[in-house]
C-alpha atoms as a PDB file:
ATOM      1  CA  MET A   1       0.000   0.000   0.000  1.00  0.00           C
ATOM      2  CA  LYS A   2       1.293   3.473  -0.834  1.00  0.00           C
ATOM      3  CA  ASP A   3       2.492   5.914   1.870  1.00  0.00           C
ATOM      4  CA  THR A   4      -0.550   7.721   3.211  1.00  0.00           C
ATOM      5  CA  SER A   5       1.071   9.600   6.114  1.00  0.00           C
ATOM      6  CA  HIS A   6       0.126  13.021   4.672  1.00  0.00           C
ATOM      7  CA  HIS A   7      -3.423  11.800   4.091  1.00  0.00           C
ATOM      8  CA  ASP A   8      -3.598  10.338   7.618  1.00  0.00           C
ATOM      9  CA  GLU A   9      -2.366  13.588   9.159  1.00  0.00           C
ATOM     10  CA  ARG A  10      -4.921  15.608   7.203  1.00  0.00           C
ATOM     11  CA  ILE A  11      -7.768  13.397   8.419  1.00  0.00           C
ATOM     12  CA  ALA A  12      -6.568  13.638  12.036  1.00  0.00           C
ATOM     13  CA  LYS A  13      -6.691  17.448  11.925  1.00  0.00           C
ATOM     14  CA  MET A  14     -10.000  17.694  10.056  1.00  0.00           C
ATOM     15  CA  ILE A  15     -12.828  19.148  12.151  1.00  0.00           C
ATOM     16  CA  PHE A  16     -15.734  16.725  12.608  1.00  0.00           C
ATOM     17  CA  ALA A  17     -18.216  19.639  12.666  1.00  0.00           C
ATOM     18  CA  SER A  18     -17.108  20.637   9.161  1.00  0.00           C
ATOM     19  CA  VAL A  19     -17.875  17.155   7.782  1.00  0.00           C
ATOM     20  CA  TYR A  20     -21.035  16.402   9.778  1.00  0.00           C
ATOM     21  CA  PRO A  21     -23.310  18.684   7.659  1.00  0.00           C
ATOM     22  CA  HIS A  22     -22.157  16.796   4.553  1.00  0.00           C
ATOM     23  CA  TYR A  23     -23.085  13.490   6.198  1.00  0.00           C
ATOM     24  CA  ALA A  24     -26.522  14.882   7.116  1.00  0.00           C
ATOM     25  CA  THR A  25     -27.130  16.302   3.631  1.00  0.00           C
ATOM     26  CA  LYS A  26     -26.034  13.066   1.973  1.00  0.00           C
ATOM     27  CA  VAL A  27     -28.432  10.875   3.956  1.00  0.00           C
ATOM     28  CA  GLU A  28     -31.349  13.341   3.893  1.00  0.00           C
ATOM     29  CA  LYS A  29     -31.117  13.705   0.093  1.00  0.00           C
ATOM     30  CA  LYS A  30     -31.644   9.955  -0.110  1.00  0.00           C
ATOM     31  CA  GLY A  31     -34.696   9.946   2.170  1.00  0.00           C
ATOM     32  CA  ARG A  32     -32.992   8.966   5.425  1.00  0.00           C
ATOM     33  CA  THR A  33     -33.135  11.022   8.617  1.00  0.00           C
ATOM     34  CA  LYS A  34     -30.720  12.763  10.947  1.00  0.00           C
ATOM     35  CA  ALA A  35     -32.016  10.467  13.675  1.00  0.00           C
ATOM     36  CA  GLU A  36     -30.843   7.469  11.620  1.00  0.00           C
ATOM     37  CA  LEU A  37     -27.491   9.176  11.054  1.00  0.00           C
ATOM     38  CA  HIS A  38     -27.154   9.705  14.811  1.00  0.00           C
ATOM     39  CA  GLU A  39     -28.069   6.068  15.428  1.00  0.00           C
ATOM     40  CA  VAL A  40     -25.263   4.965  13.112  1.00  0.00           C
ATOM     41  CA  ILE A  41     -22.762   7.349  14.752  1.00  0.00           C
ATOM     42  CA  GLN A  42     -23.855   6.187  18.213  1.00  0.00           C
ATOM     43  CA  TRP A  43     -23.487   2.526  17.225  1.00  0.00           C
ATOM     44  CA  LEU A  44     -19.938   3.082  15.974  1.00  0.00           C
ATOM     45  CA  THR A  45     -18.679   5.465  18.675  1.00  0.00           C
ATOM     46  CA  GLY A  46     -20.883   4.995  21.723  1.00  0.00           C
ATOM     47  CA  TYR A  47     -21.658   8.739  21.769  1.00  0.00           C
ATOM     48  CA  ASN A  48     -25.152   9.799  22.843  1.00  0.00           C
ATOM     49  CA  GLU A  49     -26.930  12.872  21.398  1.00  0.00           C
ATOM     50  CA  LYS A  50     -25.584  15.197  24.098  1.00  0.00           C
ATOM     51  CA  LYS A  51     -21.959  14.130  23.589  1.00  0.00           C
ATOM     52  CA  LEU A  52     -22.285  14.287  19.809  1.00  0.00           C
ATOM     53  CA  HIS A  53     -23.589  17.866  19.971  1.00  0.00           C
ATOM     54  CA  GLU A  54     -20.838  18.768  22.433  1.00  0.00           C
ATOM     55  CA  LEU A  55     -18.155  17.474  20.043  1.00  0.00           C
ATOM     56  CA  ILE A  56     -19.715  19.428  17.178  1.00  0.00           C
ATOM     57  CA  GLU A  57     -19.965  22.634  19.240  1.00  0.00           C
ATOM     58  CA  ASN A  58     -16.367  22.297  20.469  1.00  0.00           C
ATOM     59  CA  LYS A  59     -15.144  21.732  16.901  1.00  0.00           C
ATOM     60  CA  ALA A  60     -13.391  18.484  17.774  1.00  0.00           C
ATOM     61  CA  THR A  61     -10.936  17.133  15.232  1.00  0.00           C
ATOM     62  CA  PHE A  62     -11.431  13.577  14.008  1.00  0.00           C
ATOM     63  CA  GLU A  63      -8.468  12.661  16.220  1.00  0.00           C
ATOM     64  CA  GLN A  64     -10.276  14.049  19.291  1.00  0.00           C
ATOM     65  CA  PHE A  65     -13.590  12.620  18.092  1.00  0.00           C
ATOM     66  CA  PHE A  66     -12.311   9.038  17.941  1.00  0.00           C
ATOM     67  CA  GLU A  67      -9.960   9.419  20.920  1.00  0.00           C
ATOM     68  CA  GLY A  68     -12.952   9.525  23.271  1.00  0.00           C
ATOM     69  CA  ALA A  69     -15.052   6.995  21.381  1.00  0.00           C
ATOM     70  CA  SER A  70     -15.789   3.447  22.495  1.00  0.00           C
ATOM     71  CA  LEU A  71     -15.662   1.730  19.126  1.00  0.00           C
ATOM     72  CA  HIS A  72     -18.314  -0.959  18.717  1.00  0.00           C
ATOM     73  CA  PRO A  73     -16.883  -4.489  19.034  1.00  0.00           C
ATOM     74  CA  ASN A  74     -18.320  -5.346  15.594  1.00  0.00           C
ATOM     75  CA  ALA A  75     -16.717  -2.366  13.838  1.00  0.00           C
ATOM     76  CA  HIS A  76     -14.177  -4.749  12.305  1.00  0.00           C
ATOM     77  CA  LEU A  77     -17.057  -6.237  10.304  1.00  0.00           C
ATOM     78  CA  ILE A  78     -17.251  -3.020   8.275  1.00  0.00           C
ATOM     79  CA  THR A  79     -15.609  -3.881   4.968  1.00  0.00           C
ATOM     80  CA  GLY A  80     -15.526  -2.614   1.425  1.00  0.00           C
ATOM     81  CA  VAL A  81     -14.183   0.325  -0.527  1.00  0.00           C
ATOM     82  CA  ILE A  82     -14.706   3.952   0.435  1.00  0.00           C
ATOM     83  CA  CYS A  83     -12.871   6.909  -1.082  1.00  0.00           C
ATOM     84  CA  GLY A  84     -10.738   4.490  -3.079  1.00  0.00           C
ATOM     85  CA  TYR A  85      -9.485   2.581  -0.033  1.00  0.00           C
ATOM     86  CA  ARG A  86     -10.478  -0.861   1.192  1.00  0.00           C
ATOM     87  CA  VAL A  87     -11.353  -0.075   4.830  1.00  0.00           C
ATOM     88  CA  GLU A  88     -10.231  -3.402   6.251  1.00  0.00           C
ATOM     89  CA  GLU A  89      -6.727  -2.858   4.800  1.00  0.00           C
ATOM     90  CA  ILE A  90      -6.127   0.660   6.137  1.00  0.00           C
ATOM     91  CA  GLU A  91      -3.152   0.503   8.508  1.00  0.00           C
ATOM     92  CA  ASN A  92      -3.565   3.822  10.325  1.00  0.00           C
ATOM     93  CA  ARG A  93      -6.099   3.262  13.119  1.00  0.00           C
ATOM     94  CA  LEU A  94      -7.599   6.775  13.066  1.00  0.00           C
ATOM     95  CA  THR A  95      -7.926   6.813   9.281  1.00  0.00           C
ATOM     96  CA  GLN A  96      -9.570   3.397   9.418  1.00  0.00           C
ATOM     97  CA  GLN A  97     -12.046   4.562  12.077  1.00  0.00           C
ATOM     98  CA  THR A  98     -12.889   7.653  10.023  1.00  0.00           C
ATOM     99  CA  ARG A  99     -13.420   5.518   6.930  1.00  0.00           C
ATOM    100  CA  TYR A 100     -15.621   3.171   8.975  1.00  0.00           C
ATOM    101  CA  LEU A 101     -17.846   6.163   9.670  1.00  0.00           C
ATOM    102  CA  ASP A 102     -17.764   7.232   6.018  1.00  0.00           C
ATOM    103  CA  LYS A 103     -18.716   3.694   4.964  1.00  0.00           C
ATOM    104  CA  LEU A 104     -21.645   3.543   7.393  1.00  0.00           C
ATOM    105  CA  VAL A 105     -22.937   6.930   6.205  1.00  0.00           C
ATOM    106  CA  ASP A 106     -22.619   5.726   2.611  1.00  0.00           C
ATOM    107  CA  GLU A 107     -24.550   2.542   3.382  1.00  0.00           C
ATOM    108  CA  LEU A 108     -27.268   4.588   5.096  1.00  0.00           C
ATOM    109  CA  ALA A 109     -27.542   6.933   2.116  1.00  0.00           C
ATOM    110  CA  ARG A 110     -27.744   3.974  -0.281  1.00  0.00           C
ATOM    111  CA  GLY A 111     -30.829   2.702   1.513  1.00  0.00           C
ATOM    112  CA  ARG A 112     -29.303  -0.319   3.193  1.00  0.00           C
ATOM    113  CA  LYS A 113     -31.413  -1.729   6.026  1.00  0.00           C
ATOM    114  CA  MET A 114     -30.411  -0.518   9.483  1.00  0.00           C
ATOM    115  CA  GLU A 115     -29.895  -4.092  10.768  1.00  0.00           C
ATOM    116  CA  LYS A 116     -27.289  -4.633   8.037  1.00  0.00           C
ATOM    117  CA  ILE A 117     -25.589  -1.274   8.651  1.00  0.00           C
ATOM    118  CA  LEU A 118     -25.341  -1.981  12.387  1.00  0.00           C
ATOM    119  CA  ARG A 119     -24.021  -5.478  11.728  1.00  0.00           C
ATOM    120  CA  VAL A 120     -26.811  -7.203  13.672  1.00  0.00           C
ATOM    121  CA  ALA A 121     -26.591 -10.971  13.397  1.00  0.00           C
END
């Protein structure tokens, strides 16, 4: 795999609050709701509504966002390609976690059933 250190650093410093509106717009354009988006984020990170809003208000970077998260034990089941990268092969932990979130948002926007998105048996 090619050197992605510059890419990884850029993701770490990116502000979650600057990306969140794009997530919301993407899912709402496809007929899904912000509540469903929050459910997906909560499943992945363990953050409740209050904590999510706090992170957005405080302009947390993705590094800070995932630093305090309790990643779901089934997060490793998130596989596939997002932004040209196969998520299960990404070596940088933070970049992989961010791409997990991107992949879940993409699945939500594509109309996938919530049970499948949340990796329910």
